[in-house]
Amino acid sequence: MMLELGLAILGAFILQAVLSMLQMKHFSKEFMKLRRQGRVACGRQAGGFRAGAIVMFLLDDEGIIREARKMEGVTFLARVKPMSGFEGRYIGDLTGDEVETKNKNLRKAVLDAALTYRKFVSGEPITPPPSPFQLAAINVRNALQRRKVWG
């Protein structure tokens, strides 16, 4: 009984890993299509248990959006799709209100792309957000510091 359960969990883990790799391959292919045409600004917002979002904006030399794409969803089934309403806008002026959806993470991804572009143009370093493991370590360290167990 335990062996079957263990094998089922292992099989599900392997299947999820393979399907996630296929999703990453699809995203990379779509990114490279845009990249061959010019500069691309990306923004992302992890979703946790909600739908996460990634946006890509193809830009001209002045930062005007020529094409916009998005990938949003909770599972490996999410695919890159066109996103309308952004063509002709300057990426540095985006506020997130341009997104015609209730998905807050998509709005945050648009804002992240605009912020990343502004940092790039001004020469500021672009630091990646902490991973879930880094966030957990930071939270543990902060909790220990509050209790004066550490540092």
N, C-alpha and C. Protein backbone atom coordinates (compact mmCIF):
# COMPACT_ATOMS: atom_id res chain seq x y z
N MET A 1 0.82 -1.20 0.00
CA MET A 1 0.00 0.00 0.00
C MET A 1 0.86 1.26 0.00
N MET A 2 1.83 1.32 0.89
CA MET A 2 2.71 2.49 0.97
C MET A 2 3.58 2.61 -0.27
N LEU A 3 3.99 1.46 -0.82
CA LEU A 3 4.81 1.48 -2.03
C LEU A 3 4.02 2.07 -3.19
N GLU A 4 2.77 1.66 -3.35
CA GLU A 4 1.94 2.19 -4.43
C GLU A 4 1.72 3.69 -4.26
N LEU A 5 1.48 4.12 -3.04
CA LEU A 5 1.29 5.55 -2.78
C LEU A 5 2.56 6.32 -3.11
N GLY A 6 3.69 5.79 -2.70
CA GLY A 6 4.97 6.44 -3.00
C GLY A 6 5.23 6.52 -4.49
N LEU A 7 4.94 5.44 -5.21
CA LEU A 7 5.13 5.44 -6.67
C LEU A 7 4.17 6.41 -7.35
N ALA A 8 2.94 6.50 -6.85
CA ALA A 8 1.98 7.45 -7.43
C ALA A 8 2.45 8.88 -7.22
N ILE A 9 2.95 9.19 -6.04
CA ILE A 9 3.46 10.54 -5.76
C ILE A 9 4.67 10.83 -6.62
N LEU A 10 5.57 9.87 -6.74
CA LEU A 10 6.76 10.04 -7.58
C LEU A 10 6.36 10.24 -9.04
N GLY A 11 5.40 9.45 -9.52
CA GLY A 11 4.93 9.60 -10.90
C GLY A 11 4.31 10.96 -11.15
N ALA A 12 3.52 11.44 -10.20
CA ALA A 12 2.90 12.77 -10.34
C ALA A 12 3.97 13.85 -10.35
N PHE A 13 4.99 13.71 -9.52
CA PHE A 13 6.08 14.68 -9.47
C PHE A 13 6.83 14.71 -10.80
N ILE A 14 7.14 13.54 -11.35
CA ILE A 14 7.86 13.47 -12.62
C ILE A 14 7.00 14.04 -13.75
N LEU A 15 5.72 13.71 -13.78
CA LEU A 15 4.82 14.24 -14.81
C LEU A 15 4.76 15.76 -14.73
N GLN A 16 4.64 16.29 -13.52
CA GLN A 16 4.58 17.75 -13.35
C GLN A 16 5.88 18.39 -13.81
N ALA A 17 7.02 17.78 -13.51
CA ALA A 17 8.31 18.33 -13.93
C ALA A 17 8.42 18.34 -15.46
N VAL A 18 8.01 17.27 -16.10
CA VAL A 18 8.08 17.19 -17.57
C VAL A 18 7.16 18.23 -18.20
N LEU A 19 5.95 18.35 -17.70
CA LEU A 19 5.01 19.32 -18.26
C LEU A 19 5.47 20.75 -18.00
N SER A 20 6.09 21.00 -16.87
CA SER A 20 6.63 22.33 -16.59
C SER A 20 7.78 22.66 -17.53
N MET A 21 8.60 21.67 -17.85
CA MET A 21 9.69 21.89 -18.80
C MET A 21 9.14 22.22 -20.18
N LEU A 22 8.07 21.56 -20.58
CA LEU A 22 7.44 21.87 -21.87
C LEU A 22 6.89 23.30 -21.87
N GLN A 23 6.32 23.73 -20.75
CA GLN A 23 5.82 25.10 -20.65
C GLN A 23 6.97 26.09 -20.76
N MET A 24 8.08 25.82 -20.08
CA MET A 24 9.25 26.72 -20.16
C MET A 24 9.79 26.77 -21.58
N LYS A 25 9.78 25.64 -22.27
CA LYS A 25 10.25 25.60 -23.65
C LYS A 25 9.35 26.46 -24.53
N HIS A 26 8.04 26.37 -24.34
CA HIS A 26 7.09 27.19 -25.09
C HIS A 26 7.32 28.67 -24.81
N PHE A 27 7.50 29.03 -23.54
CA PHE A 27 7.74 30.43 -23.18
C PHE A 27 9.03 30.94 -23.82
N SER A 28 10.09 30.14 -23.75
CA SER A 28 11.37 30.54 -24.33
C SER A 28 11.26 30.75 -25.83
N LYS A 29 10.50 29.89 -26.49
CA LYS A 29 10.30 30.01 -27.94
C LYS A 29 9.57 31.32 -28.26
N GLU A 30 8.53 31.63 -27.50
CA GLU A 30 7.78 32.87 -27.72
C GLU A 30 8.64 34.09 -27.40
N PHE A 31 9.45 34.01 -26.35
CA PHE A 31 10.34 35.12 -26.00
C PHE A 31 11.35 35.37 -27.12
N MET A 32 11.92 34.29 -27.66
CA MET A 32 12.92 34.44 -28.72
C MET A 32 12.30 35.00 -30.00
N LYS A 33 11.04 34.67 -30.28
CA LYS A 33 10.36 35.27 -31.44
C LYS A 33 10.33 36.79 -31.30
N LEU A 34 9.97 37.26 -30.12
CA LEU A 34 9.94 38.70 -29.88
C LEU A 34 11.35 39.28 -29.88
N ARG A 35 12.28 38.59 -29.26
CA ARG A 35 13.65 39.09 -29.11
C ARG A 35 14.32 39.29 -30.47
N ARG A 36 14.00 38.44 -31.43
CA ARG A 36 14.57 38.59 -32.77
C ARG A 36 14.09 39.87 -33.45
N GLN A 37 12.97 40.41 -33.00
CA GLN A 37 12.41 41.62 -33.60
C GLN A 37 12.89 42.90 -32.92
N GLY A 38 13.46 42.79 -31.73
CA GLY A 38 13.93 43.98 -31.02
C GLY A 38 14.04 43.76 -29.53
N ARG A 39 14.04 44.88 -28.78
CA ARG A 39 14.16 44.80 -27.33
C ARG A 39 12.85 44.31 -26.71
N VAL A 40 12.98 43.54 -25.64
CA VAL A 40 11.81 43.00 -24.96
C VAL A 40 11.92 43.32 -23.48
N ALA A 41 10.85 43.87 -22.93
CA ALA A 41 10.76 44.10 -21.49
C ALA A 41 9.80 43.05 -20.92
N CYS A 42 10.23 42.41 -19.84
CA CYS A 42 9.41 41.38 -19.21
C CYS A 42 9.06 41.80 -17.79
N GLY A 43 7.90 41.40 -17.37
CA GLY A 43 7.47 41.60 -15.99
C GLY A 43 6.81 40.33 -15.51
N ARG A 44 6.92 40.08 -14.22
CA ARG A 44 6.31 38.86 -13.70
C ARG A 44 5.78 39.10 -12.30
N GLN A 45 4.83 38.27 -11.95
CA GLN A 45 4.29 38.28 -10.60
C GLN A 45 3.89 36.86 -10.28
N ALA A 46 4.54 36.29 -9.28
CA ALA A 46 4.22 34.93 -8.87
C ALA A 46 2.85 34.92 -8.22
N GLY A 47 2.16 33.82 -8.37
CA GLY A 47 0.80 33.76 -7.86
C GLY A 47 0.63 32.94 -6.61
N GLY A 48 1.57 32.03 -6.34
CA GLY A 48 1.36 31.13 -5.21
C GLY A 48 0.20 30.21 -5.54
N PHE A 49 -0.88 30.34 -4.78
CA PHE A 49 -2.06 29.52 -5.05
C PHE A 49 -3.05 30.22 -5.97
N ARG A 50 -2.73 31.45 -6.37
CA ARG A 50 -3.55 32.19 -7.33
C ARG A 50 -2.82 32.17 -8.67
N ALA A 51 -3.49 32.66 -9.70
CA ALA A 51 -2.89 32.67 -11.04
C ALA A 51 -1.72 33.65 -11.08
N GLY A 52 -0.55 33.16 -11.44
CA GLY A 52 0.61 34.02 -11.65
C GLY A 52 0.54 34.62 -13.04
N ALA A 53 1.44 35.57 -13.31
CA ALA A 53 1.40 36.23 -14.61
C ALA A 53 2.79 36.64 -15.05
N ILE A 54 3.03 36.54 -16.35
CA ILE A 54 4.25 37.03 -16.98
C ILE A 54 3.81 37.83 -18.20
N VAL A 55 4.39 39.01 -18.38
CA VAL A 55 4.10 39.81 -19.57
C VAL A 55 5.39 40.09 -20.31
N MET A 56 5.28 40.21 -21.63
CA MET A 56 6.42 40.56 -22.48
C MET A 56 5.98 41.67 -23.41
N PHE A 57 6.79 42.72 -23.48
CA PHE A 57 6.51 43.84 -24.37
C PHE A 57 7.65 43.98 -25.37
N LEU A 58 7.33 43.92 -26.65
CA LEU A 58 8.30 44.20 -27.71
C LEU A 58 8.35 45.72 -27.87
N LEU A 59 9.55 46.31 -27.76
CA LEU A 59 9.70 47.76 -27.75
C LEU A 59 10.50 48.24 -28.95
N ASP A 60 10.20 49.46 -29.40
CA ASP A 60 11.07 50.09 -30.39
C ASP A 60 12.19 50.82 -29.64
N ASP A 61 13.01 51.55 -30.36
CA ASP A 61 14.17 52.20 -29.74
C ASP A 61 13.80 53.28 -28.74
N GLU A 62 12.58 53.82 -28.83
CA GLU A 62 12.15 54.89 -27.91
C GLU A 62 11.35 54.35 -26.73
N GLY A 63 11.17 53.03 -26.64
CA GLY A 63 10.41 52.45 -25.54
C GLY A 63 8.91 52.38 -25.80
N ILE A 64 8.52 52.54 -27.06
CA ILE A 64 7.11 52.43 -27.44
C ILE A 64 6.79 50.95 -27.68
N ILE A 65 5.70 50.50 -27.12
CA ILE A 65 5.31 49.09 -27.22
C ILE A 65 4.78 48.80 -28.63
N ARG A 66 5.40 47.82 -29.28
CA ARG A 66 4.95 47.39 -30.61
C ARG A 66 4.07 46.16 -30.52
N GLU A 67 4.32 45.32 -29.51
CA GLU A 67 3.54 44.09 -29.36
C GLU A 67 3.56 43.69 -27.88
N ALA A 68 2.46 43.12 -27.40
CA ALA A 68 2.36 42.70 -26.00
C ALA A 68 1.84 41.27 -25.93
N ARG A 69 2.44 40.50 -25.04
CA ARG A 69 2.01 39.12 -24.83
C ARG A 69 1.95 38.84 -23.34
N LYS A 70 1.14 37.87 -22.97
CA LYS A 70 1.00 37.51 -21.56
C LYS A 70 0.91 36.01 -21.40
N MET A 71 1.28 35.55 -20.23
CA MET A 71 1.06 34.17 -19.84
C MET A 71 0.56 34.22 -18.40
N GLU A 72 -0.64 33.73 -18.19
CA GLU A 72 -1.19 33.74 -16.84
C GLU A 72 -1.90 32.43 -16.57
N GLY A 73 -1.80 31.99 -15.33
CA GLY A 73 -2.46 30.76 -14.95
C GLY A 73 -1.83 30.17 -13.71
N VAL A 74 -2.44 29.10 -13.23
CA VAL A 74 -1.99 28.45 -12.01
C VAL A 74 -1.17 27.20 -12.34
N THR A 75 -1.44 26.58 -13.47
CA THR A 75 -0.82 25.29 -13.79
C THR A 75 0.07 25.39 -15.01
N PHE A 76 0.63 24.25 -15.37
CA PHE A 76 1.49 24.14 -16.54
C PHE A 76 0.71 24.31 -17.83
N LEU A 77 -0.60 24.39 -17.76
CA LEU A 77 -1.43 24.53 -18.96
C LEU A 77 -1.43 25.96 -19.50
N ALA A 78 -0.92 26.92 -18.74
CA ALA A 78 -0.88 28.32 -19.19
C ALA A 78 0.01 28.43 -20.41
N ARG A 79 -0.44 29.22 -21.38
CA ARG A 79 0.31 29.44 -22.61
C ARG A 79 0.42 30.93 -22.87
N VAL A 80 1.41 31.31 -23.69
CA VAL A 80 1.60 32.71 -24.06
C VAL A 80 0.52 33.10 -25.06
N LYS A 81 -0.13 34.23 -24.79
CA LYS A 81 -1.21 34.72 -25.65
C LYS A 81 -1.01 36.21 -25.91
N PRO A 82 -1.53 36.71 -27.04
CA PRO A 82 -1.45 38.15 -27.31
C PRO A 82 -2.24 38.94 -26.26
N MET A 83 -1.79 40.16 -26.02
CA MET A 83 -2.46 41.04 -25.07
C MET A 83 -2.67 42.39 -25.76
N SER A 84 -3.91 42.76 -25.97
CA SER A 84 -4.20 43.98 -26.73
C SER A 84 -4.32 45.20 -25.82
N GLY A 85 -4.27 46.35 -26.46
CA GLY A 85 -4.47 47.61 -25.75
C GLY A 85 -3.20 48.32 -25.34
N PHE A 86 -2.04 47.76 -25.64
CA PHE A 86 -0.78 48.36 -25.22
C PHE A 86 0.03 48.94 -26.38
N GLU A 87 -0.30 48.56 -27.60
CA GLU A 87 0.46 49.00 -28.76
C GLU A 87 0.43 50.53 -28.87
N GLY A 88 1.60 51.12 -29.11
CA GLY A 88 1.71 52.57 -29.26
C GLY A 88 1.91 53.33 -27.97
N ARG A 89 1.87 52.67 -26.83
CA ARG A 89 2.09 53.34 -25.55
C ARG A 89 3.56 53.28 -25.16
N TYR A 90 3.99 54.30 -24.41
CA TYR A 90 5.35 54.31 -23.86
C TYR A 90 5.36 53.45 -22.61
N ILE A 91 6.26 52.49 -22.55
CA ILE A 91 6.26 51.53 -21.45
C ILE A 91 6.51 52.19 -20.09
N GLY A 92 7.29 53.25 -20.08
CA GLY A 92 7.59 53.91 -18.81
C GLY A 92 6.39 54.59 -18.18
N ASP A 93 5.33 54.81 -18.94
CA ASP A 93 4.13 55.48 -18.43
C ASP A 93 3.04 54.51 -17.96
N LEU A 94 3.28 53.21 -18.07
CA LEU A 94 2.24 52.25 -17.69
C LEU A 94 2.00 52.30 -16.18
N THR A 95 0.73 52.21 -15.81
CA THR A 95 0.35 52.26 -14.39
C THR A 95 -0.33 50.98 -13.92
N GLY A 96 -0.69 50.11 -14.83
CA GLY A 96 -1.42 48.90 -14.48
C GLY A 96 -2.91 49.05 -14.72
N ASP A 97 -3.39 50.30 -14.76
CA ASP A 97 -4.81 50.54 -15.02
C ASP A 97 -5.20 50.18 -16.45
N GLU A 98 -4.22 50.01 -17.32
CA GLU A 98 -4.49 49.67 -18.72
C GLU A 98 -4.97 48.23 -18.87
N VAL A 99 -4.75 47.42 -17.85
CA VAL A 99 -5.11 46.00 -17.91
C VAL A 99 -6.61 45.86 -17.69
N GLU A 100 -7.29 45.30 -18.66
CA GLU A 100 -8.75 45.14 -18.58
C GLU A 100 -9.11 43.78 -18.01
N THR A 101 -8.72 43.53 -16.79
CA THR A 101 -9.01 42.26 -16.14
C THR A 101 -9.05 42.46 -14.64
N LYS A 102 -9.61 41.50 -13.96
CA LYS A 102 -9.64 41.57 -12.50
C LYS A 102 -8.42 40.90 -11.88
N ASN A 103 -7.56 40.33 -12.72
CA ASN A 103 -6.39 39.62 -12.23
C ASN A 103 -5.34 40.62 -11.73
N LYS A 104 -5.21 40.71 -10.42
CA LYS A 104 -4.26 41.66 -9.83
C LYS A 104 -2.82 41.30 -10.19
N ASN A 105 -2.53 40.02 -10.32
CA ASN A 105 -1.16 39.61 -10.65
C ASN A 105 -0.77 40.03 -12.05
N LEU A 106 -1.72 40.08 -12.98
CA LEU A 106 -1.41 40.57 -14.32
C LEU A 106 -1.08 42.06 -14.27
N ARG A 107 -1.85 42.81 -13.49
CA ARG A 107 -1.54 44.24 -13.31
C ARG A 107 -0.15 44.43 -12.72
N LYS A 108 0.16 43.62 -11.70
CA LYS A 108 1.48 43.74 -11.05
C LYS A 108 2.60 43.36 -12.01
N ALA A 109 2.36 42.40 -12.88
CA ALA A 109 3.38 42.02 -13.87
C ALA A 109 3.62 43.15 -14.86
N VAL A 110 2.56 43.85 -15.27
CA VAL A 110 2.71 45.01 -16.16
C VAL A 110 3.53 46.09 -15.46
N LEU A 111 3.22 46.35 -14.20
CA LEU A 111 3.98 47.35 -13.43
C LEU A 111 5.44 46.93 -13.27
N ASP A 112 5.67 45.63 -13.08
CA ASP A 112 7.04 45.13 -12.94
C ASP A 112 7.82 45.34 -14.23
N ALA A 113 7.19 45.12 -15.38
CA ALA A 113 7.86 45.34 -16.66
C ALA A 113 8.21 46.81 -16.83
N ALA A 114 7.29 47.70 -16.48
CA ALA A 114 7.55 49.14 -16.59
C ALA A 114 8.67 49.57 -15.65
N LEU A 115 8.65 49.06 -14.42
CA LEU A 115 9.70 49.40 -13.45
C LEU A 115 11.06 48.88 -13.92
N THR A 116 11.08 47.65 -14.41
CA THR A 116 12.34 47.08 -14.90
C THR A 116 12.88 47.90 -16.06
N TYR A 117 12.02 48.34 -16.96
CA TYR A 117 12.46 49.17 -18.09
C TYR A 117 13.03 50.49 -17.59
N ARG A 118 12.32 51.14 -16.65
CA ARG A 118 12.81 52.42 -16.13
C ARG A 118 14.17 52.26 -15.45
N LYS A 119 14.36 51.17 -14.71
CA LYS A 119 15.66 50.91 -14.08
C LYS A 119 16.73 50.70 -15.14
N PHE A 120 16.41 49.94 -16.17
CA PHE A 120 17.37 49.66 -17.24
C PHE A 120 17.81 50.95 -17.92
N VAL A 121 16.84 51.81 -18.25
CA VAL A 121 17.14 53.06 -18.94
C VAL A 121 17.98 53.99 -18.07
N SER A 122 17.70 54.01 -16.76
CA SER A 122 18.44 54.91 -15.87
C SER A 122 19.77 54.32 -15.41
N GLY A 123 20.04 53.05 -15.75
CA GLY A 123 21.30 52.43 -15.37
C GLY A 123 21.31 51.82 -13.99
N GLU A 124 20.16 51.75 -13.33
CA GLU A 124 20.08 51.13 -12.01
C GLU A 124 20.21 49.61 -12.14
N PRO A 125 20.74 48.96 -11.11
CA PRO A 125 20.81 47.50 -11.16
C PRO A 125 19.41 46.89 -11.05
N ILE A 126 19.21 45.83 -11.79
CA ILE A 126 17.93 45.12 -11.77
C ILE A 126 18.14 43.85 -10.96
N THR A 127 17.58 43.82 -9.77
CA THR A 127 17.76 42.67 -8.89
C THR A 127 16.56 41.75 -9.00
N PRO A 128 16.81 40.46 -9.12
CA PRO A 128 15.68 39.53 -9.20
C PRO A 128 15.00 39.42 -7.84
N PRO A 129 13.70 39.16 -7.83
CA PRO A 129 13.01 38.99 -6.55
C PRO A 129 13.48 37.72 -5.85
N PRO A 130 13.38 37.67 -4.54
CA PRO A 130 13.83 36.47 -3.83
C PRO A 130 12.97 35.26 -4.17
N SER A 131 13.61 34.09 -4.16
CA SER A 131 12.89 32.85 -4.42
C SER A 131 12.04 32.50 -3.19
N PRO A 132 11.13 31.55 -3.33
CA PRO A 132 10.33 31.14 -2.16
C PRO A 132 11.20 30.66 -1.00
N PHE A 133 12.30 29.97 -1.30
CA PHE A 133 13.18 29.50 -0.24
C PHE A 133 13.89 30.67 0.44
N GLN A 134 14.30 31.66 -0.35
CA GLN A 134 14.93 32.84 0.23
C GLN A 134 13.93 33.60 1.10
N LEU A 135 12.69 33.72 0.64
CA LEU A 135 11.66 34.38 1.45
C LEU A 135 11.43 33.65 2.77
N ALA A 136 11.40 32.32 2.72
CA ALA A 136 11.22 31.54 3.94
C ALA A 136 12.38 31.76 4.90
N ALA A 137 13.61 31.77 4.36
CA ALA A 137 14.79 32.00 5.21
C ALA A 137 14.75 33.39 5.83
N ILE A 138 14.35 34.39 5.06
CA ILE A 138 14.24 35.76 5.58
C ILE A 138 13.20 35.82 6.69
N ASN A 139 12.06 35.17 6.49
CA ASN A 139 11.01 35.18 7.51
C ASN A 139 11.45 34.49 8.78
N VAL A 140 12.16 33.37 8.66
CA VAL A 140 12.66 32.66 9.84
C VAL A 140 13.68 33.53 10.57
N ARG A 141 14.60 34.13 9.82
CA ARG A 141 15.61 34.99 10.44
C ARG A 141 14.95 36.17 11.16
N ASN A 142 13.97 36.79 10.52
CA ASN A 142 13.28 37.92 11.15
C ASN A 142 12.54 37.50 12.42
N ALA A 143 11.91 36.32 12.38
CA ALA A 143 11.20 35.83 13.56
C ALA A 143 12.18 35.56 14.70
N LEU A 144 13.33 34.98 14.38
CA LEU A 144 14.34 34.72 15.41
C LEU A 144 14.92 36.01 15.96
N GLN A 145 15.10 37.00 15.11
CA GLN A 145 15.62 38.28 15.59
C GLN A 145 14.61 38.98 16.49
N ARG A 146 13.33 38.87 16.18
CA ARG A 146 12.30 39.48 17.03
C ARG A 146 12.29 38.85 18.41
N ARG A 147 12.58 37.56 18.46
CA ARG A 147 12.60 36.85 19.75
C ARG A 147 13.98 36.91 20.40
N LYS A 148 14.89 37.61 19.75
CA LYS A 148 16.26 37.80 20.24
C LYS A 148 17.01 36.48 20.42
N VAL A 149 16.67 35.51 19.57
CA VAL A 149 17.38 34.24 19.57
C VAL A 149 18.62 34.35 18.71
N TRP A 150 18.53 35.22 17.70
CA TRP A 150 19.62 35.34 16.73
C TRP A 150 19.94 36.81 16.56
N GLY A 151 21.24 37.13 16.58
CA GLY A 151 21.75 38.46 16.28
C GLY A 151 21.21 39.49 17.16
